[in-house]
Amino acid sequence: MKVKEFIKGYKMKTLKLLIIPLIIFGVIITGCTKKNSDNDGHQHSQELKKEAGKEYYTCTMHPQVISDKPGVCPICNMELVKKTVDQSSDASAATPKDMEGMIALNGNKLVLANVTTEKVERTSLNKELNAYSYMDFAEQNRKLVSARFNGRIEKLFINRTGENIRKGQPLFEIYSPDIVQAQNEYLIALGNNAQQISYGLSQANGNARQNNLLTSARKKLELFGITEQQIKNLEATKAVKLTIIYYSPISGTVIDKKVQEGQYVNEGAVLYDVADMSTLWSISEVYEKDLSAVKIGSKAALNLQAYPGKTFEGKVTFIYPVLNSASRTVKVRSEFANKGNLLRPQMYGQTTFKSNMGSGLLVPSGAVLFTGKRNIAWVKTSDGMFESRTVEVGNKFGDKYEVLSGLKAGDEVAATGGFLIDSESQLQSGGGTSAHQHGGMNMDNKGQSNQKGNSGNQQMDPNMKM
């Protein structure tokens, strides 16, 4: 037993002595291999870019991707495009510190990149904002006709929804004990007053009391809706009418009829819903970011699906004080005259708001590159030279942005092709420093991507799917 244990222990010690050197050797080899791989990737990129006249392939969206053979971009899967390294690229790569952020492009490159320039101008800022809207009743022109007394409807003169009515037009005939009683009271007060006048009574208190009774009885009839002509007829005939005709107190269109012939109604019951549609409202939903372009009193143009090519002119009358937290919009009310009765409530359309916001600098929308951290514009400083500028933009006016800082009137900016200028800047600088930074990577001959460890480049996300 002791001999076996001795042999077993001897074998374990021998095995450990063999394994430890192998592990150390493996670590050294792995480190050297990784270092050589990184150096080879970096040298591969530099050689491709420094050999004048040599062709290479890169991605227009991710210029940090470089390959010496055709393929696809491992980031966006786009086809790589062929480029040629020329002497101008080397010159730009060797640009001194005071030339950082600038790039020189020859005429051929400007044509290939479709670069066009436009001068920054100070001009009036006229903004047009389009918003979907719908038509609605003007609230001040919508009224209810309600019963001012209890009674039974004997006859309806307006018996259909949608009918147009005029003020003073007969609406219905009604029997009401309340009106019968009010007529009796008025005739009694009227008779007492006439009797005192015929007797020539001169007591001041008595005359005043009789006048008050007559005035109160007359006022009661007026509150019931009895017209001046009906009261005069009552005074002339001295006869109480069992039924009386009720005349419309307003003009408009019957939106809803809520009464039938023979129906008993109570005081306060709604009989007709009437609206004057000579003026209608347009209710628009405006996003909070565009609210500064809408002012009370400013002009508004309305286009409806029902009348293609026809524009209605109106003005903004009210901006609602509450924001819709779900849609992030604010309601804007505009008022339009309903000429020819073409407008109808609940019609859908588009309202255009026109506003003048003073003056400012405008640049084409394609001239501004939004990189996330800052906004870039490429400015032409001399023949073939472009300089990157950090700009701050304001509102958008049509296809142009207002520039708040970073540019001045007379500057010539790249209106189109700015993104390709930025990509060329990255290529010529080795992907390290440009208008904005991207993560750098190379592609070997097999199309495999290797992360670069150059200073100034963002590291590629290791979880990114190729």
Protein backbone atom coordinates (compact mmCIF):
# COMPACT_ATOMS: atom_id res chain seq x y z
CA MET A 1 0.00 0.00 0.00
CA LYS A 2 2.76 2.44 0.87
CA VAL A 3 4.55 1.71 -2.41
CA LYS A 4 1.35 2.43 -4.40
CA GLU A 5 0.73 5.70 -2.56
CA PHE A 6 4.32 6.78 -3.19
CA ILE A 7 4.03 6.07 -6.92
CA LYS A 8 0.70 7.94 -7.15
CA GLY A 9 2.10 11.03 -5.39
CA TYR A 10 5.17 11.02 -7.62
CA LYS A 11 3.01 11.00 -10.76
CA MET A 12 0.90 13.97 -9.55
CA LYS A 13 4.00 16.11 -8.86
CA THR A 14 5.44 15.26 -12.27
CA LEU A 15 2.12 16.19 -13.98
CA LYS A 16 1.98 19.60 -12.24
CA LEU A 17 5.55 20.39 -13.30
CA LEU A 18 4.60 19.71 -16.92
CA ILE A 19 1.25 21.60 -16.96
CA ILE A 20 2.41 24.93 -15.40
CA PRO A 21 5.06 25.68 -18.12
CA LEU A 22 2.51 24.82 -20.82
CA ILE A 23 -0.02 27.31 -19.39
CA ILE A 24 2.56 30.11 -19.20
CA PHE A 25 3.68 29.40 -22.76
CA GLY A 26 0.08 29.49 -24.00
CA VAL A 27 -0.60 32.87 -22.38
CA ILE A 28 2.51 34.37 -23.98
CA ILE A 29 1.61 33.04 -27.43
CA THR A 30 -2.01 34.30 -27.16
CA GLY A 31 -0.89 37.80 -26.14
CA CYS A 32 1.59 38.04 -28.96
CA THR A 33 -0.96 36.78 -31.48
CA LYS A 34 -3.60 39.33 -30.33
CA LYS A 35 -1.07 42.18 -30.42
CA ASN A 36 0.09 41.22 -33.91
CA SER A 37 -3.54 40.92 -35.03
CA ASP A 38 -4.37 44.41 -33.76
CA ASN A 39 -1.24 45.87 -35.31
CA ASP A 40 -1.93 44.08 -38.60
CA GLY A 41 -5.52 45.46 -38.64
CA HIS A 42 -4.31 48.99 -37.98
CA GLN A 43 -1.49 48.75 -40.54
CA HIS A 44 -3.93 47.23 -43.04
CA SER A 45 -6.17 50.29 -42.77
CA GLN A 46 -3.29 52.74 -43.00
CA GLU A 47 -1.69 50.98 -45.97
CA LEU A 48 -4.98 50.99 -47.87
CA LYS A 49 -5.34 54.72 -47.38
CA LYS A 50 -1.74 55.79 -47.90
CA GLU A 51 -1.02 53.93 -51.13
CA ALA A 52 -1.96 56.52 -53.75
CA GLY A 53 -4.00 55.15 -56.61
CA LYS A 54 -4.96 51.95 -54.84
CA GLU A 55 -8.60 50.91 -54.92
CA TYR A 56 -10.50 49.92 -51.79
CA TYR A 57 -14.12 49.37 -50.78
CA THR A 58 -16.06 51.21 -48.11
CA CYS A 59 -19.64 51.78 -46.90
CA THR A 60 -21.25 55.14 -47.70
CA MET A 61 -23.21 55.03 -44.43
CA HIS A 62 -20.31 53.77 -42.28
CA PRO A 63 -17.05 55.05 -43.87
CA GLN A 64 -15.01 53.48 -41.06
CA VAL A 65 -15.64 50.11 -42.70
CA ILE A 66 -12.78 49.44 -45.18
CA SER A 67 -12.04 46.36 -47.30
CA ASP A 68 -9.74 45.54 -50.20
CA LYS A 69 -12.40 43.43 -51.92
CA PRO A 70 -16.14 43.77 -52.71
CA GLY A 71 -18.63 42.76 -50.03
CA VAL A 72 -21.33 44.04 -47.72
CA CYS A 73 -21.13 46.29 -44.67
CA PRO A 74 -21.24 44.20 -41.48
CA ILE A 75 -23.23 46.99 -39.75
CA CYS A 76 -26.02 47.86 -42.20
CA ASN A 77 -25.65 45.10 -44.83
CA MET A 78 -25.31 47.63 -47.68
CA GLU A 79 -23.10 46.91 -50.69
CA LEU A 80 -19.60 48.38 -50.35
CA VAL A 81 -18.62 50.97 -52.95
CA LYS A 82 -15.26 51.24 -54.64
CA LYS A 83 -13.02 54.24 -53.96
CA THR A 84 -9.50 55.20 -54.96
CA VAL A 85 -6.92 56.65 -52.58
CA ASP A 86 -5.31 59.72 -54.15
CA GLN A 87 -2.64 62.21 -53.16
CA SER A 88 -5.22 64.71 -51.92
CA SER A 89 -6.35 62.18 -49.34
CA ASP A 90 -2.80 61.89 -48.06
CA ALA A 91 -2.48 65.63 -47.89
CA SER A 92 -5.67 65.92 -45.92
CA ALA A 93 -4.60 63.11 -43.62
CA ALA A 94 -1.47 65.03 -42.86
CA THR A 95 -3.35 68.25 -42.15
CA PRO A 96 -1.81 70.17 -39.27
CA LYS A 97 -3.68 70.94 -36.08
CA ASP A 98 -4.91 74.35 -37.21
CA MET A 99 -6.59 72.68 -40.22
CA GLU A 100 -8.56 70.14 -38.21
CA GLY A 101 -12.26 70.05 -39.14
CA MET A 102 -11.48 71.12 -42.72
CA ILE A 103 -11.39 69.07 -45.91
CA ALA A 104 -10.23 69.74 -49.46
CA LEU A 105 -12.32 68.32 -52.32
CA ASN A 106 -11.35 68.59 -55.96
CA GLY A 107 -13.85 69.26 -58.72
CA ASN A 108 -14.22 65.60 -59.61
CA LYS A 109 -15.15 64.66 -56.06
CA LEU A 110 -17.62 67.53 -55.80
CA VAL A 111 -19.42 66.25 -58.90
CA LEU A 112 -19.39 62.62 -57.78
CA ALA A 113 -20.67 63.55 -54.31
CA ASN A 114 -23.39 65.78 -55.85
CA VAL A 115 -22.28 68.67 -53.64
CA THR A 116 -24.13 71.94 -54.22
CA THR A 117 -23.68 75.10 -52.19
CA GLU A 118 -26.04 77.87 -51.21
CA LYS A 119 -25.46 81.17 -49.43
CA VAL A 120 -26.99 81.85 -46.04
CA GLU A 121 -29.48 84.72 -46.28
CA ARG A 122 -31.33 86.84 -43.78
CA THR A 123 -34.97 86.90 -44.79
CA SER A 124 -38.47 87.25 -43.34
CA LEU A 125 -39.68 84.16 -41.51
CA ASN A 126 -43.14 83.36 -42.86
CA LYS A 127 -44.38 80.09 -41.47
CA GLU A 128 -47.25 78.00 -42.77
CA LEU A 129 -48.57 75.30 -40.49
CA ASN A 130 -51.03 72.64 -41.65
CA ALA A 131 -53.30 70.87 -39.17
CA TYR A 132 -56.22 68.49 -39.55
CA SER A 133 -59.50 69.98 -38.33
CA TYR A 134 -63.25 69.49 -38.18
CA MET A 135 -66.18 71.91 -38.39
CA ASP A 136 -68.43 72.62 -35.41
CA PHE A 137 -71.28 74.92 -34.38
CA ALA A 138 -70.43 78.37 -33.10
CA GLU A 139 -71.54 77.98 -29.49
CA GLN A 140 -72.87 81.53 -29.15
CA ASN A 141 -75.20 80.91 -32.12
CA ARG A 142 -76.78 77.74 -30.75
CA LYS A 143 -79.87 78.05 -28.53
CA LEU A 144 -82.64 75.93 -27.04
CA VAL A 145 -86.38 76.68 -27.25
CA SER A 146 -87.88 75.42 -23.99
CA ALA A 147 -91.39 75.47 -22.50
CA ARG A 148 -91.99 78.43 -20.19
CA PHE A 149 -95.22 76.94 -18.84
CA ASN A 150 -97.08 73.65 -18.41
CA GLY A 151 -99.48 72.60 -21.14
CA ARG A 152 -100.50 70.36 -24.02
CA ILE A 153 -99.25 70.78 -27.62
CA GLU A 154 -102.31 71.12 -29.84
CA LYS A 155 -100.53 71.80 -33.13
CA LEU A 156 -96.94 71.96 -34.46
CA PHE A 157 -96.13 74.47 -37.19
CA ILE A 158 -92.44 73.37 -37.33
CA ASN A 159 -92.58 69.61 -37.41
CA ARG A 160 -89.30 68.52 -39.08
CA THR A 161 -85.66 68.52 -38.09
CA GLY A 162 -83.49 70.60 -40.44
CA GLU A 163 -86.12 73.27 -41.15
CA ASN A 164 -84.98 76.87 -41.22
CA ILE A 165 -87.00 79.21 -39.00
CA ARG A 166 -87.15 82.97 -38.60
CA LYS A 167 -87.55 85.00 -35.46
CA GLY A 168 -91.28 85.64 -34.92
CA GLN A 169 -92.37 82.60 -36.96
CA PRO A 170 -95.09 80.37 -35.35
CA LEU A 171 -93.68 77.23 -33.73
CA PHE A 172 -96.67 75.55 -32.05
CA GLU A 173 -100.14 76.10 -30.60
CA ILE A 174 -100.60 75.11 -26.96
CA TYR A 175 -103.31 74.89 -24.32
CA SER A 176 -101.97 75.98 -20.92
CA PRO A 177 -103.95 76.71 -17.72
CA ASP A 178 -101.05 78.95 -16.67
CA ILE A 179 -101.56 81.22 -19.70
CA VAL A 180 -105.34 81.25 -19.26
CA GLN A 181 -104.91 82.39 -15.67
CA ALA A 182 -102.35 85.04 -16.66
CA GLN A 183 -104.79 86.46 -19.25
CA ASN A 184 -107.55 86.69 -16.63
CA GLU A 185 -105.26 88.48 -14.18
CA TYR A 186 -104.26 91.00 -16.82
CA LEU A 187 -107.88 91.72 -17.84
CA ILE A 188 -108.88 92.19 -14.17
CA ALA A 189 -105.98 94.61 -13.54
CA LEU A 190 -106.81 96.41 -16.76
CA GLY A 191 -110.51 96.75 -15.79
CA ASN A 192 -109.73 98.06 -12.29
CA ASN A 193 -107.37 100.62 -13.73
CA ALA A 194 -109.99 101.82 -16.24
CA GLN A 195 -112.64 102.01 -13.50
CA GLN A 196 -110.51 104.26 -11.33
CA ILE A 197 -109.82 106.53 -14.27
CA SER A 198 -113.57 106.79 -15.09
CA TYR A 199 -114.47 107.66 -11.46
CA GLY A 200 -111.78 110.31 -11.42
CA LEU A 201 -110.28 109.01 -8.20
CA SER A 202 -107.25 111.00 -7.30
CA GLN A 203 -105.89 109.06 -4.35
CA ALA A 204 -102.19 108.75 -5.05
CA ASN A 205 -101.73 105.47 -3.19
CA GLY A 206 -104.66 103.80 -4.93
CA ASN A 207 -103.51 104.82 -8.39
CA ALA A 208 -99.99 103.62 -7.71
CA ARG A 209 -101.24 100.24 -6.42
CA GLN A 210 -103.44 99.69 -9.48
CA ASN A 211 -100.63 100.63 -11.84
CA ASN A 212 -98.31 98.15 -10.11
CA LEU A 213 -100.88 95.35 -10.47
CA LEU A 214 -101.36 96.10 -14.17
CA THR A 215 -97.60 96.26 -14.78
CA SER A 216 -97.03 92.94 -12.95
CA ALA A 217 -99.81 91.18 -14.89
CA ARG A 218 -98.41 92.45 -18.18
CA LYS A 219 -94.87 91.40 -17.24
CA LYS A 220 -96.09 87.88 -16.44
CA LEU A 221 -97.54 87.53 -19.95
CA GLU A 222 -94.28 88.72 -21.50
CA LEU A 223 -92.27 86.20 -19.46
CA PHE A 224 -94.52 83.42 -20.75
CA GLY A 225 -93.51 84.43 -24.28
CA ILE A 226 -96.66 86.30 -25.25
CA THR A 227 -95.84 88.90 -27.90
CA GLU A 228 -96.71 92.59 -27.85
CA GLN A 229 -99.26 92.10 -30.63
CA GLN A 230 -100.99 89.27 -28.71
CA ILE A 231 -101.27 91.50 -25.62
CA LYS A 232 -102.80 94.31 -27.73
CA ASN A 233 -105.33 91.85 -29.18
CA LEU A 234 -106.23 90.75 -25.63
CA GLU A 235 -106.78 94.38 -24.58
CA ALA A 236 -108.95 94.99 -27.64
CA THR A 237 -111.14 91.87 -27.46
CA LYS A 238 -111.24 91.49 -23.66
CA ALA A 239 -111.61 87.74 -24.36
CA VAL A 240 -109.43 85.05 -22.81
CA LYS A 241 -108.09 82.53 -25.39
CA LEU A 242 -107.91 78.86 -24.32
CA THR A 243 -105.06 78.09 -26.75
CA ILE A 244 -102.31 80.40 -27.79
CA ILE A 245 -99.71 80.34 -30.56
CA TYR A 246 -96.06 80.44 -29.46
CA TYR A 247 -93.69 82.32 -31.79
CA SER A 248 -89.97 81.61 -32.26
CA PRO A 249 -87.70 83.92 -30.24
CA ILE A 250 -84.68 83.20 -32.52
CA SER A 251 -83.70 82.45 -36.13
CA GLY A 252 -81.75 79.44 -37.31
CA THR A 253 -81.91 75.79 -38.32
CA VAL A 254 -83.70 73.14 -36.27
CA ILE A 255 -80.95 70.72 -35.24
CA ASP A 256 -83.23 68.55 -33.10
CA LYS A 257 -87.01 68.50 -32.58
CA LYS A 258 -87.96 67.01 -29.21
CA VAL A 259 -91.78 67.45 -29.15
CA GLN A 260 -94.82 65.86 -30.84
CA GLU A 261 -98.41 66.98 -31.33
CA GLY A 262 -100.61 66.03 -28.37
CA GLN A 263 -97.63 65.81 -26.00
CA TYR A 264 -97.90 67.27 -22.50
CA VAL A 265 -94.89 69.39 -21.60
CA ASN A 266 -93.69 70.74 -18.29
CA GLU A 267 -92.08 74.05 -17.60
CA GLY A 268 -88.39 73.89 -18.61
CA ALA A 269 -88.73 71.00 -21.10
CA VAL A 270 -86.58 71.42 -24.26
CA LEU A 271 -88.77 71.57 -27.37
CA TYR A 272 -86.35 72.59 -30.14
CA ASP A 273 -82.56 72.78 -30.55
CA VAL A 274 -81.86 75.63 -32.97
CA ALA A 275 -78.52 76.84 -34.39
CA ASP A 276 -77.62 79.81 -36.54
CA MET A 277 -75.09 78.39 -39.02
CA SER A 278 -74.13 81.64 -40.72
CA THR A 279 -70.81 81.31 -38.89
CA LEU A 280 -69.05 78.02 -38.04
CA TRP A 281 -65.94 77.05 -36.10
CA SER A 282 -62.99 75.01 -37.29
CA ILE A 283 -61.34 73.04 -34.46
CA SER A 284 -57.72 72.07 -35.20
CA GLU A 285 -55.23 69.96 -33.27
CA VAL A 286 -51.79 71.66 -33.20
CA TYR A 287 -48.69 69.97 -31.74
CA GLU A 288 -47.11 71.82 -28.85
CA LYS A 289 -43.82 72.25 -30.77
CA ASP A 290 -45.70 74.23 -33.47
CA LEU A 291 -47.82 76.31 -31.12
CA SER A 292 -45.53 79.35 -31.38
CA ALA A 293 -46.55 79.72 -35.05
CA VAL A 294 -50.24 80.26 -34.19
CA LYS A 295 -51.47 83.65 -32.96
CA ILE A 296 -54.96 84.89 -32.12
CA GLY A 297 -56.15 87.09 -34.97
CA SER A 298 -53.82 85.54 -37.57
CA LYS A 299 -55.21 84.36 -40.90
CA ALA A 300 -56.39 80.79 -41.42
CA ALA A 301 -57.22 79.01 -44.69
CA LEU A 302 -59.56 76.01 -44.74
CA ASN A 303 -59.63 73.23 -47.36
CA LEU A 304 -62.34 70.58 -47.13
CA GLN A 305 -62.60 67.14 -48.66
CA ALA A 306 -66.12 68.00 -49.81
CA TYR A 307 -64.91 70.89 -52.00
CA PRO A 308 -61.54 70.05 -53.62
CA GLY A 309 -59.67 73.11 -54.81
CA LYS A 310 -61.86 75.57 -52.88
CA THR A 311 -60.35 77.57 -50.01
CA PHE A 312 -62.30 79.30 -47.24
CA GLU A 313 -60.74 82.29 -45.50
CA GLY A 314 -61.08 82.89 -41.75
CA LYS A 315 -59.10 83.87 -38.68
CA VAL A 316 -57.94 82.38 -35.39
CA THR A 317 -60.24 83.41 -32.54
CA PHE A 318 -59.15 81.27 -29.61
CA ILE A 319 -56.35 78.93 -28.43
CA TYR A 320 -57.54 76.47 -25.80
CA PRO A 321 -55.68 76.73 -22.47
CA VAL A 322 -55.32 72.97 -21.86
CA LEU A 323 -52.87 70.56 -23.54
CA ASN A 324 -53.99 67.03 -24.41
CA SER A 325 -51.48 64.89 -22.51
CA ALA A 326 -52.11 61.83 -24.69
CA SER A 327 -51.66 63.39 -28.16
CA ARG A 328 -49.47 66.34 -27.02
CA THR A 329 -51.69 68.73 -28.98
CA VAL A 330 -53.61 71.93 -28.25
CA LYS A 331 -56.97 72.80 -29.79
CA VAL A 332 -57.07 75.95 -31.91
CA ARG A 333 -60.40 77.52 -32.86
CA SER A 334 -60.85 79.45 -36.11
CA GLU A 335 -64.00 81.22 -37.28
CA PHE A 336 -65.33 81.04 -40.85
CA ALA A 337 -68.30 82.75 -42.51
CA ASN A 338 -70.64 80.17 -44.04
CA LYS A 339 -71.15 81.80 -47.42
CA GLY A 340 -73.67 79.92 -49.55
CA ASN A 341 -74.30 77.51 -46.66
CA LEU A 342 -71.55 75.22 -48.01
CA LEU A 343 -70.05 74.49 -44.62
CA ARG A 344 -71.54 71.76 -42.45
CA PRO A 345 -70.76 70.82 -38.85
CA GLN A 346 -68.52 67.73 -38.48
CA MET A 347 -66.94 68.15 -41.94
CA TYR A 348 -63.27 67.13 -42.01
CA GLY A 349 -60.59 69.26 -43.61
CA GLN A 350 -57.19 70.87 -43.26
CA THR A 351 -56.56 74.29 -41.79
CA THR A 352 -53.46 76.25 -42.78
CA PHE A 353 -52.21 78.88 -40.34
CA LYS A 354 -50.07 81.70 -41.70
CA SER A 355 -47.78 83.63 -39.38
CA ASN A 356 -44.92 86.12 -39.70
CA MET A 357 -42.18 85.54 -37.09
CA GLY A 358 -39.84 88.40 -37.95
CA SER A 359 -36.55 87.84 -39.77
CA GLY A 360 -33.68 85.36 -39.43
CA LEU A 361 -31.05 83.24 -41.18
CA LEU A 362 -32.29 80.30 -43.24
CA VAL A 363 -30.35 77.31 -44.61
CA PRO A 364 -31.57 74.31 -46.62
CA SER A 365 -32.63 71.40 -44.45
CA GLY A 366 -30.06 69.16 -46.18
CA ALA A 367 -27.24 71.45 -45.04
CA VAL A 368 -27.63 70.47 -41.37
CA LEU A 369 -26.35 67.08 -40.14
CA PHE A 370 -27.95 66.00 -36.88
CA THR A 371 -25.36 63.81 -35.15
CA GLY A 372 -27.06 63.50 -31.78
CA LYS A 373 -24.47 65.38 -29.70
CA ARG A 374 -24.34 68.42 -31.96
CA ASN A 375 -25.51 69.73 -35.33
CA ILE A 376 -22.98 70.15 -38.15
CA ALA A 377 -22.93 72.31 -41.27
CA TRP A 378 -20.12 72.29 -43.84
CA VAL A 379 -19.08 75.80 -44.91
CA LYS A 380 -17.07 76.51 -48.05
CA THR A 381 -14.13 78.70 -47.00
CA SER A 382 -12.12 78.76 -50.23
CA ASP A 383 -11.90 76.98 -53.55
CA GLY A 384 -12.45 73.32 -52.75
CA MET A 385 -12.08 73.75 -48.97
CA PHE A 386 -14.91 72.97 -46.55
CA GLU A 387 -14.97 73.62 -42.81
CA SER A 388 -17.29 71.98 -40.30
CA ARG A 389 -19.30 74.34 -38.08
CA THR A 390 -21.39 73.56 -35.04
CA VAL A 391 -24.79 75.23 -35.48
CA GLU A 392 -27.90 75.70 -33.40
CA VAL A 393 -31.18 75.49 -35.31
CA GLY A 394 -34.64 76.82 -34.50
CA ASN A 395 -37.98 76.34 -36.26
CA LYS A 396 -38.38 74.80 -39.69
CA PHE A 397 -39.85 77.00 -42.42
CA GLY A 398 -40.86 74.87 -45.39
CA ASP A 399 -37.73 73.01 -46.50
CA LYS A 400 -35.35 75.29 -44.56
CA TYR A 401 -34.15 75.61 -40.97
CA GLU A 402 -33.68 78.82 -39.02
CA VAL A 403 -30.06 79.11 -37.78
CA LEU A 404 -29.73 80.66 -34.34
CA SER A 405 -25.91 80.49 -34.05
CA GLY A 406 -22.85 79.13 -35.85
CA LEU A 407 -23.39 80.84 -39.21
CA LYS A 408 -23.69 84.38 -40.52
CA ALA A 409 -25.25 85.98 -43.56
CA GLY A 410 -23.13 85.39 -46.67
CA ASP A 411 -21.63 82.04 -45.56
CA GLU A 412 -21.73 79.44 -48.33
CA VAL A 413 -22.89 76.06 -47.02
CA ALA A 414 -23.12 72.64 -48.65
CA ALA A 415 -26.84 72.38 -49.40
CA THR A 416 -26.55 68.80 -50.67
CA GLY A 417 -23.84 66.18 -50.25
CA GLY A 418 -22.94 67.32 -46.73
CA PHE A 419 -23.15 63.78 -45.42
CA LEU A 420 -20.74 62.54 -48.10
CA ILE A 421 -18.31 65.38 -47.27
CA ASP A 422 -18.47 64.26 -43.65
CA SER A 423 -17.82 60.66 -44.69
CA GLU A 424 -14.84 61.72 -46.81
CA SER A 425 -13.51 63.68 -43.83
CA GLN A 426 -13.56 60.51 -41.75
CA LEU A 427 -11.87 58.47 -44.46
CA GLN A 428 -9.09 61.00 -44.93
CA SER A 429 -8.53 61.32 -41.18
CA GLY A 430 -8.26 57.58 -40.70
CA GLY A 431 -11.65 57.44 -38.96
CA GLY A 432 -10.20 59.13 -35.90
CA THR A 433 -11.29 62.78 -35.99
CA SER A 434 -14.00 64.39 -38.12
CA ALA A 435 -17.10 66.45 -37.79
CA HIS A 436 -18.52 63.74 -35.59
CA GLN A 437 -17.03 60.46 -34.47
CA HIS A 438 -18.03 56.94 -35.38
CA GLY A 439 -16.82 53.62 -34.07
CA GLY A 440 -13.88 52.46 -36.22
CA MET A 441 -13.50 49.00 -37.74
CA ASN A 442 -11.60 47.25 -40.54
CA MET A 443 -12.54 44.32 -42.70
CA ASP A 444 -10.03 41.63 -43.54
CA ASN A 445 -9.95 39.75 -46.82
CA LYS A 446 -12.58 37.31 -45.62
CA GLY A 447 -15.04 40.08 -44.83
CA GLN A 448 -14.61 39.58 -41.06
CA SER A 449 -14.72 42.69 -38.90
CA ASN A 450 -12.02 43.57 -36.38
CA GLN A 451 -12.51 46.23 -33.73
CA LYS A 452 -9.95 49.02 -33.73
CA GLY A 453 -8.41 50.37 -30.62
CA ASN A 454 -7.43 53.76 -32.06
CA SER A 455 -7.81 56.76 -29.81
CA GLY A 456 -10.92 58.85 -30.54
CA ASN A 457 -13.02 56.01 -31.98
CA GLN A 458 -16.00 54.55 -30.22
CA GLN A 459 -15.81 50.83 -29.56
CA MET A 460 -18.19 48.65 -31.52
CA ASP A 461 -20.95 47.05 -29.47
CA PRO A 462 -19.88 43.40 -28.95
CA ASN A 463 -23.55 42.37 -28.89
CA MET A 464 -24.21 43.87 -32.33
CA LYS A 465 -25.52 41.32 -34.80
CA MET A 466 -23.52 41.12 -37.98
